[in-house]
Each structure stands twice: as structure tokens, then as C-alpha cells.
Protein backbone atom coordinates (compact mmCIF):
# COMPACT_ATOMS: atom_id res chain seq x y z
CA MET A 1 9.35 21.10 -183.19
CA PRO A 2 7.94 24.12 -181.26
CA GLY A 3 4.82 23.90 -183.41
CA ARG A 4 4.25 20.26 -182.42
CA ARG A 5 4.54 21.13 -178.71
CA ASP A 6 1.99 23.87 -179.16
CA ARG A 7 -0.42 21.44 -180.71
CA ARG A 8 -0.04 19.04 -177.72
CA ILE A 9 -0.75 21.87 -175.33
CA VAL A 10 -3.89 22.79 -177.27
CA VAL A 11 -5.09 19.13 -177.17
CA ARG A 12 -4.60 18.96 -173.38
CA MET A 13 -6.51 22.21 -172.95
CA LYS A 14 -9.39 20.88 -175.04
CA LEU A 15 -9.54 17.64 -173.00
CA ARG A 16 -9.68 19.62 -169.77
CA ALA A 17 -12.39 21.83 -171.22
CA ALA A 18 -14.39 18.69 -172.12
CA GLY A 19 -14.46 17.68 -168.45
CA THR A 20 -11.61 15.20 -168.14
CA ASN A 21 -8.07 15.48 -166.95
CA ARG A 22 -7.43 11.75 -167.04
CA THR A 23 -4.08 10.88 -168.45
CA ARG A 24 -3.77 7.98 -170.84
CA PRO A 25 -1.36 5.36 -169.58
CA PRO A 26 1.07 3.62 -171.86
CA GLY A 27 -0.63 1.23 -174.22
CA GLY A 28 -3.69 3.45 -174.72
CA VAL A 29 -5.93 1.86 -172.02
CA THR A 30 -7.96 4.27 -169.90
CA GLY A 31 -8.39 3.25 -166.22
CA PHE A 32 -10.98 4.06 -163.52
CA THR A 33 -10.13 5.86 -160.35
CA LEU A 34 -10.80 4.18 -156.99
CA ILE A 35 -13.60 6.63 -156.25
CA GLU A 36 -15.33 5.77 -159.52
CA LEU A 37 -15.14 2.03 -158.77
CA LEU A 38 -16.56 2.55 -155.29
CA VAL A 39 -19.45 4.58 -156.72
CA VAL A 40 -20.27 1.81 -159.22
CA ILE A 41 -20.12 -0.87 -156.49
CA SER A 42 -22.40 1.22 -154.26
CA ILE A 43 -24.95 1.62 -157.05
CA ILE A 44 -24.93 -2.14 -157.71
CA ALA A 45 -25.41 -2.85 -153.99
CA ILE A 46 -28.35 -0.43 -153.79
CA LEU A 47 -30.01 -1.99 -156.85
CA ALA A 48 -29.48 -5.50 -155.43
CA SER A 49 -31.05 -4.52 -152.09
CA MET A 50 -34.06 -3.20 -153.99
CA LEU A 51 -34.44 -6.24 -156.25
CA LEU A 52 -33.80 -9.12 -153.83
CA PRO A 53 -37.04 -8.72 -151.82
CA ALA A 54 -39.03 -8.59 -155.05
CA LEU A 55 -37.27 -11.71 -156.33
CA GLY A 56 -37.89 -13.50 -153.03
CA LYS A 57 -41.58 -12.62 -153.15
CA ALA A 58 -41.81 -13.81 -156.75
CA LYS A 59 -40.23 -17.11 -155.71
CA PHE A 60 -42.79 -17.59 -152.94
CA GLN A 61 -45.63 -16.67 -155.31
CA ALA A 62 -44.39 -19.32 -157.73
CA ARG A 63 -44.42 -21.88 -154.93
CA THR A 64 -47.91 -20.81 -153.91
CA THR A 65 -49.08 -21.33 -157.49
CA ALA A 66 -47.46 -24.78 -157.48
CA SER A 67 -49.15 -25.62 -154.18
CA LEU A 68 -52.55 -24.56 -155.49
CA ASN A 69 -52.02 -26.75 -158.54
CA ASN A 70 -51.14 -29.68 -156.27
CA LEU A 71 -54.30 -29.19 -154.24
CA ARG A 72 -56.53 -28.92 -157.31
CA GLN A 73 -55.25 -32.31 -158.45
CA LEU A 74 -55.76 -33.79 -154.99
CA GLY A 75 -59.30 -32.41 -155.01
CA LEU A 76 -59.91 -34.27 -158.25
CA GLY A 77 -58.50 -37.39 -156.65
CA LEU A 78 -60.99 -37.09 -153.78
CA HIS A 79 -63.87 -36.79 -156.27
CA PHE A 80 -62.68 -39.84 -158.24
CA TYR A 81 -62.38 -41.80 -155.00
CA ALA A 82 -65.93 -40.86 -153.97
CA MET A 83 -67.26 -41.87 -157.39
CA ASP A 84 -65.83 -45.35 -156.82
CA GLN A 85 -66.96 -45.61 -153.20
CA SER A 86 -70.70 -44.96 -153.40
CA ASP A 87 -70.15 -41.22 -152.87
CA LEU A 88 -68.27 -41.74 -149.58
CA LEU A 89 -65.14 -39.73 -148.85
CA PRO A 90 -62.04 -41.46 -147.43
CA GLY A 91 -61.19 -41.75 -143.77
CA HIS A 92 -58.11 -40.00 -142.49
CA SER A 93 -56.16 -43.11 -141.41
CA SER A 94 -56.29 -46.83 -140.82
CA LEU A 95 -56.25 -48.19 -137.28
CA PRO A 96 -52.97 -49.53 -135.83
CA ALA A 97 -54.82 -52.71 -134.83
CA GLU A 98 -55.58 -53.30 -138.52
CA THR A 99 -52.12 -52.49 -139.86
CA THR A 100 -48.94 -51.99 -137.83
CA ALA A 101 -50.05 -54.47 -135.16
CA LEU A 102 -50.22 -57.05 -137.96
CA GLY A 103 -46.90 -56.03 -139.53
CA ARG A 104 -48.49 -53.94 -142.25
CA PRO A 105 -47.91 -50.22 -142.94
CA ARG A 106 -50.48 -47.62 -141.90
CA THR A 107 -52.62 -46.23 -144.70
CA ARG A 108 -53.96 -42.68 -144.67
CA TRP A 109 -56.09 -40.45 -146.88
CA ALA A 110 -53.19 -39.98 -149.32
CA ASP A 111 -52.92 -43.74 -149.80
CA SER A 112 -56.67 -43.94 -150.48
CA VAL A 113 -56.49 -41.20 -153.10
CA PHE A 114 -53.24 -42.34 -154.74
CA PRO A 115 -54.79 -44.88 -157.14
CA TYR A 116 -56.80 -42.01 -158.64
CA MET A 117 -53.99 -39.42 -158.71
CA GLN A 118 -50.68 -41.20 -159.18
CA THR A 119 -48.23 -38.28 -159.22
CA PRO A 120 -46.32 -38.43 -155.92
CA SER A 121 -45.05 -34.86 -156.12
CA VAL A 122 -48.54 -33.34 -155.86
CA TYR A 123 -48.87 -34.78 -152.34
CA LEU A 124 -45.83 -32.83 -151.08
CA SER A 125 -46.10 -29.12 -150.32
CA PRO A 126 -43.37 -27.14 -152.15
CA ASN A 127 -43.20 -24.67 -149.26
CA LEU A 128 -42.07 -27.06 -146.54
CA THR A 129 -38.91 -25.91 -144.80
CA PRO A 130 -36.08 -28.42 -144.24
CA GLN A 131 -37.13 -28.69 -140.59
CA GLU A 132 -40.77 -29.31 -141.56
CA ARG A 133 -39.70 -32.03 -143.98
CA LYS A 134 -38.19 -33.90 -141.03
CA LEU A 135 -41.42 -33.66 -139.03
CA LEU A 136 -44.33 -33.54 -141.47
CA VAL A 137 -43.80 -36.31 -144.01
CA LYS A 138 -45.19 -39.84 -144.22
CA ALA A 139 -44.25 -42.69 -146.53
CA PHE A 140 -46.83 -43.95 -149.01
CA ALA A 141 -47.90 -47.38 -147.79
CA HIS A 142 -47.27 -49.01 -151.16
CA THR A 143 -43.62 -47.88 -151.04
CA VAL A 144 -42.95 -49.29 -147.58
CA ASP A 145 -41.41 -52.71 -147.97
CA PRO A 146 -41.13 -55.07 -146.27
CA GLY A 147 -43.99 -54.58 -143.85
CA PRO A 148 -44.03 -51.26 -142.02
CA VAL A 149 -40.27 -50.67 -142.44
CA GLU A 150 -39.26 -47.74 -144.64
CA THR A 151 -36.47 -48.40 -147.12
CA GLU A 152 -34.67 -46.54 -149.87
CA ARG A 153 -37.62 -47.13 -152.17
CA SER A 154 -40.03 -45.30 -149.84
CA VAL A 155 -41.71 -42.20 -151.32
CA TYR A 156 -42.99 -39.47 -149.04
CA TYR A 157 -45.89 -37.04 -148.90
CA GLY A 158 -46.56 -34.22 -146.46
CA GLY A 159 -47.62 -30.67 -145.72
CA TYR A 160 -51.30 -31.11 -146.58
CA GLY A 161 -53.94 -32.01 -144.01
CA TYR A 162 -57.41 -33.50 -144.39
CA ASN A 163 -60.58 -32.06 -142.81
CA TYR A 164 -61.15 -35.38 -141.10
CA GLN A 165 -63.68 -34.34 -138.46
CA TYR A 166 -66.24 -33.39 -141.11
CA LEU A 167 -65.21 -35.58 -144.06
CA GLY A 168 -63.80 -38.86 -142.78
CA ASN A 169 -62.69 -40.01 -139.33
CA ASN A 170 -61.71 -43.67 -138.96
CA ARG A 171 -61.07 -43.59 -135.22
CA GLN A 172 -63.32 -46.03 -133.39
CA PRO A 173 -62.83 -45.61 -129.64
CA GLU A 174 -64.99 -47.94 -127.55
CA GLY A 175 -66.53 -49.43 -130.68
CA ILE A 176 -67.86 -46.19 -132.18
CA PRO A 177 -68.28 -46.86 -135.93
CA PRO A 178 -66.10 -44.92 -138.40
CA PHE A 179 -67.47 -41.74 -139.95
CA HIS A 180 -67.45 -41.06 -143.70
CA ALA A 181 -69.30 -38.10 -145.23
CA ARG A 182 -71.03 -38.43 -148.56
CA LEU A 183 -69.82 -35.89 -151.07
CA SER A 184 -73.39 -35.17 -152.13
CA SER A 185 -74.38 -34.48 -148.52
CA LEU A 186 -72.20 -31.37 -148.33
CA GLN A 187 -74.75 -28.61 -148.82
CA ALA A 188 -72.04 -25.95 -149.20
CA ALA A 189 -69.25 -27.86 -150.94
CA SER A 190 -67.68 -24.66 -152.28
CA GLU A 191 -67.41 -23.42 -148.69
CA THR A 192 -66.12 -26.64 -147.14
CA VAL A 193 -62.38 -27.19 -146.66
CA ALA A 194 -61.24 -30.56 -147.95
CA LEU A 195 -57.44 -30.30 -147.78
CA GLY A 196 -55.00 -27.56 -146.91
CA ASP A 197 -51.62 -26.62 -145.53
CA THR A 198 -51.05 -28.11 -142.10
CA LYS A 199 -48.30 -27.78 -139.55
CA GLY A 200 -49.63 -30.64 -137.44
CA ALA A 201 -50.21 -30.64 -133.70
CA ARG A 202 -47.86 -30.58 -130.72
CA GLY A 203 -48.74 -33.90 -129.16
CA GLY A 204 -50.62 -32.13 -126.39
CA ASN A 205 -47.47 -30.36 -125.14
CA PRO A 206 -47.04 -26.64 -125.93
CA GLU A 207 -43.27 -27.07 -125.57
CA ASN A 208 -43.14 -29.42 -128.57
CA PRO A 209 -42.62 -28.24 -132.16
CA TYR A 210 -45.57 -28.77 -134.49
CA GLY A 211 -45.59 -32.28 -135.91
CA LYS A 212 -43.45 -33.70 -133.10
CA GLY A 213 -43.48 -37.48 -133.39
CA GLY A 214 -45.88 -37.31 -136.34
CA SER A 215 -48.54 -35.51 -134.30
CA GLY A 216 -51.44 -34.56 -136.60
CA ASP A 217 -49.11 -34.07 -139.56
CA TYR A 218 -51.58 -35.24 -142.24
CA VAL A 219 -54.85 -33.76 -140.94
CA LEU A 220 -56.50 -30.42 -140.16
CA ASP A 221 -58.73 -29.65 -137.20
CA PRO A 222 -61.48 -27.01 -137.40
CA PRO A 223 -61.17 -24.04 -135.03
CA LEU A 224 -63.73 -25.70 -132.72
CA GLY A 225 -64.23 -29.42 -132.23
CA SER A 226 -67.26 -30.81 -134.02
CA MET A 227 -70.20 -31.47 -131.74
CA GLU A 228 -73.40 -32.46 -133.56
CA LEU A 229 -72.08 -32.77 -137.11
CA GLY A 230 -69.35 -34.87 -138.69
CA SER A 231 -67.61 -37.31 -136.41
CA ARG A 232 -68.72 -35.38 -133.31
CA GLY A 233 -65.25 -34.54 -132.06
CA SER A 234 -61.83 -35.85 -132.90
CA ARG A 235 -62.55 -39.22 -131.24
CA ARG A 236 -59.30 -39.09 -129.39
CA SER A 237 -61.28 -40.95 -126.76
CA GLY A 238 -64.73 -42.45 -126.44
CA THR A 239 -66.01 -39.56 -124.34
CA GLU A 240 -68.72 -37.25 -125.56
CA PRO A 241 -67.66 -34.47 -127.94
CA GLY A 242 -66.44 -31.34 -126.24
CA SER A 243 -63.86 -30.96 -123.50
CA GLY A 244 -60.96 -33.36 -123.98
CA ASN A 245 -62.23 -34.49 -127.38
CA ALA A 246 -61.93 -31.36 -129.48
CA TYR A 247 -58.81 -31.91 -131.58
CA TYR A 248 -56.54 -34.56 -133.06
CA GLU A 249 -54.67 -34.85 -129.76
CA GLY A 250 -57.80 -34.28 -127.63
CA GLY A 251 -57.76 -31.12 -125.53
CA HIS A 252 -60.22 -28.27 -125.24
CA ASP A 253 -61.36 -25.73 -127.84
CA GLY A 254 -58.61 -23.18 -128.47
CA SER A 255 -55.71 -25.41 -127.39
CA ASP A 256 -52.79 -24.80 -129.73
CA ALA A 257 -50.99 -27.83 -128.30
CA HIS A 258 -53.73 -30.28 -129.33
CA ARG A 259 -55.03 -28.87 -132.60
CA ALA A 260 -53.75 -29.98 -136.02
CA THR A 261 -53.34 -26.39 -137.12
CA PRO A 262 -53.52 -24.78 -140.59
CA ALA A 263 -50.14 -23.45 -141.76
CA ALA A 264 -49.91 -19.98 -143.27
CA ARG A 265 -46.70 -20.81 -145.11
CA ASN A 266 -47.66 -19.07 -148.37
CA LEU A 267 -46.96 -15.38 -147.79
CA GLY A 268 -49.07 -15.47 -144.63
CA ARG A 269 -51.97 -17.36 -146.21
CA VAL A 270 -53.17 -20.96 -146.13
CA THR A 271 -53.52 -22.77 -149.46
CA LEU A 272 -56.67 -24.91 -149.63
CA VAL A 273 -58.83 -27.01 -151.87
CA PHE A 274 -62.55 -27.07 -151.14
CA ALA A 275 -64.94 -29.97 -151.50
CA ASP A 276 -66.22 -28.72 -154.87
CA GLY A 277 -62.66 -28.92 -156.26
CA HIS A 278 -61.69 -25.24 -156.43
CA ALA A 279 -58.49 -24.10 -154.74
CA GLY A 280 -57.55 -20.79 -153.16
CA THR A 281 -55.75 -19.09 -150.30
CA LEU A 282 -57.17 -17.60 -147.11
CA LEU A 283 -55.79 -15.72 -144.14
CA PRO A 284 -55.89 -17.91 -141.01
CA ASP A 285 -58.39 -15.65 -139.25
CA VAL A 286 -60.74 -15.76 -142.24
CA LEU A 287 -60.44 -19.54 -142.50
CA ASP A 288 -61.28 -19.94 -138.81
CA GLY A 289 -63.99 -17.27 -138.73
CA ARG A 290 -62.22 -15.21 -136.08
CA THR A 291 -63.60 -11.69 -135.75
CA SER A 292 -63.93 -9.09 -133.00
CA THR A 293 -67.38 -10.48 -132.22
CA SER A 294 -66.26 -14.12 -132.55
CA PRO A 295 -62.68 -14.27 -131.20
CA GLY A 296 -62.77 -18.05 -130.85
CA GLY A 297 -63.85 -18.52 -134.44
CA HIS A 298 -66.48 -20.82 -135.92
CA ASN A 299 -66.69 -23.85 -138.19
CA GLY A 300 -68.59 -22.22 -141.05
CA LEU A 301 -65.89 -23.13 -143.62
CA TRP A 302 -65.48 -26.64 -142.28
CA ASN A 303 -68.83 -28.21 -141.42
CA GLY A 304 -70.26 -28.81 -144.91
CA LEU A 305 -73.17 -26.43 -144.36
CA GLY A 306 -71.46 -23.05 -144.63
CA ASP A 307 -73.29 -22.21 -141.41
CA PRO A 308 -71.21 -20.42 -138.73
CA SER A 309 -73.72 -21.35 -136.04
CA ARG A 310 -73.39 -25.12 -136.52
CA ARG A 311 -70.64 -27.45 -135.37
């Protein structure tokens, strides 16, 4: 018996020499001390805090890629439409007098393009927030039944706006004829915005959220209202282009309350498709031509000419 006790003492001494003094509980299962558990939890928390931002960024990048794919397909739809319409691009919207006043739903650029690109999901930006979805979506006219009343069968699009001042403006104040650009007339198609992320306008009131009441939620305004080119202003009224006729809701150049504004909802950049069909992302200042020497911006990426001096 004494010899067996000596052997146990030697084993304990060897375990201590190996760096552990943990005792083995009955049943042979080794436990962790509270300090060890806390250390492990702390390490996991640190790793999670390091990985979550990277995972969030990857998620946004995936959505940006999806948005660019949507816009490429919509760009194709615009080209197919023009091929069928003697090279003319669509107008941004039908007139209420032609539609809702007669009990019919409004049609917009998305409805014009839909026969040529019949995947509803590509018309809806994947980066819209829940709040934006409440403000920035429209129902496809062919899914509104009966008449202009939306029902459970209605399908919605939203988040993308059309460069209506330079490509197609159907407003006809005081009998002004509608404006439709010819695709072949765009001398710098690769430098001309066709569609892109929009957050809409504010209905002329800076206190309103963007897209309030459907304000400009399917169009994009250039940084400055068109003057000599395109539709020569937004045609909010029949006045001459310029003051009060610059943006979707009227107003003067630089008015954030009146402009249908590009949305930098993709990691601070605006996703766009250009008139030649290629898609990409731009910082808002680059898109609008704002520099230290041109703080108000220019319409070089909007006017079809690629010329910063023309509007």
C-alpha cells in the first residue's frame, strides 16, 4: 500500500510540472474554470466585432452588383424600345388627362419598357430601405385592375429614375409638344445617364422626406435645369426654362426641395446605366460635375453631348 501512495504522489507532481493543477472530477470529465470561459467569450466577441463590418460591407457590395445587373437589363430594354419606336426614347410619364382622368392607370417609363424586359424584379432597387419602399414605389399599369385602383395583384417597381429632361419629357404645359430624344442623336451616349438610383424630390418643401406623395420618385433631374437642350427645363409650368422651371417640382437651380435627386445608396455611390448600355457607379459630386471651380456642377454627364458647358 505505501508504494501505491508514493506512485500517486509522483503522478501529481508530474502533472503540476506539466503546467496543470486541475483536479479530475468524478466520472473523468475535465471542466473549465470561470476565468477560462470568460477569456474564450471575450476572444469570440473581439473576432465578431472585427468580422461584422466586413460582412456588412460584403452584403452591400452584393446588392450593388445586383443593382448594376438590374440597370444593365433596363438599359437593354430602353434600346429595344427605341428600335421599335423609330429610334425615339420613351417619355417619363403619361398625362393625367389621358389616363387617371379617364379612369385609367398612369403609365411611366417602366411601363413603356416592360414589354421588352419582362422581369419585374429588375425594376426594383435591392437597396431600398423599408421607409423608401413606402415612398418610392409605383405599380405597373398592367397590374392595376380595375382602372387606376391597386389591388393584391399589383406589382411594384421603384428606386430607379429616368433622365427625363434630356431623354423623354411628356409634360405639355400650355400646349408645348412632348419631347423625345433619338438614341442616335446622343453624341456621347457612353457619357449620358439614362437611369440611376433616385430618392425623388420633396414636393417643393424642404421639410418633406424625399419622395413624399410620390414626388419625383421615378425620375432624375440633372444638377442644373436644361435650358437649350432636351426638353428645355422640367416643364413644371409653361414658363421659359430657368427660374421656377429647373426641376421636377419646378424651383431654381440648386434647390434640394425641388430636384429629383440621385441617391448614393450603394456604399456612398450612385448606380447608373448610361445610354450606350454600360452600367457603373459614381460619387454624387462626380456625377453632377461639382468641383472647387464649379461648385454648382454641370450637365456634362446628362445632356447627351458630354459637354460641361452646354445645358
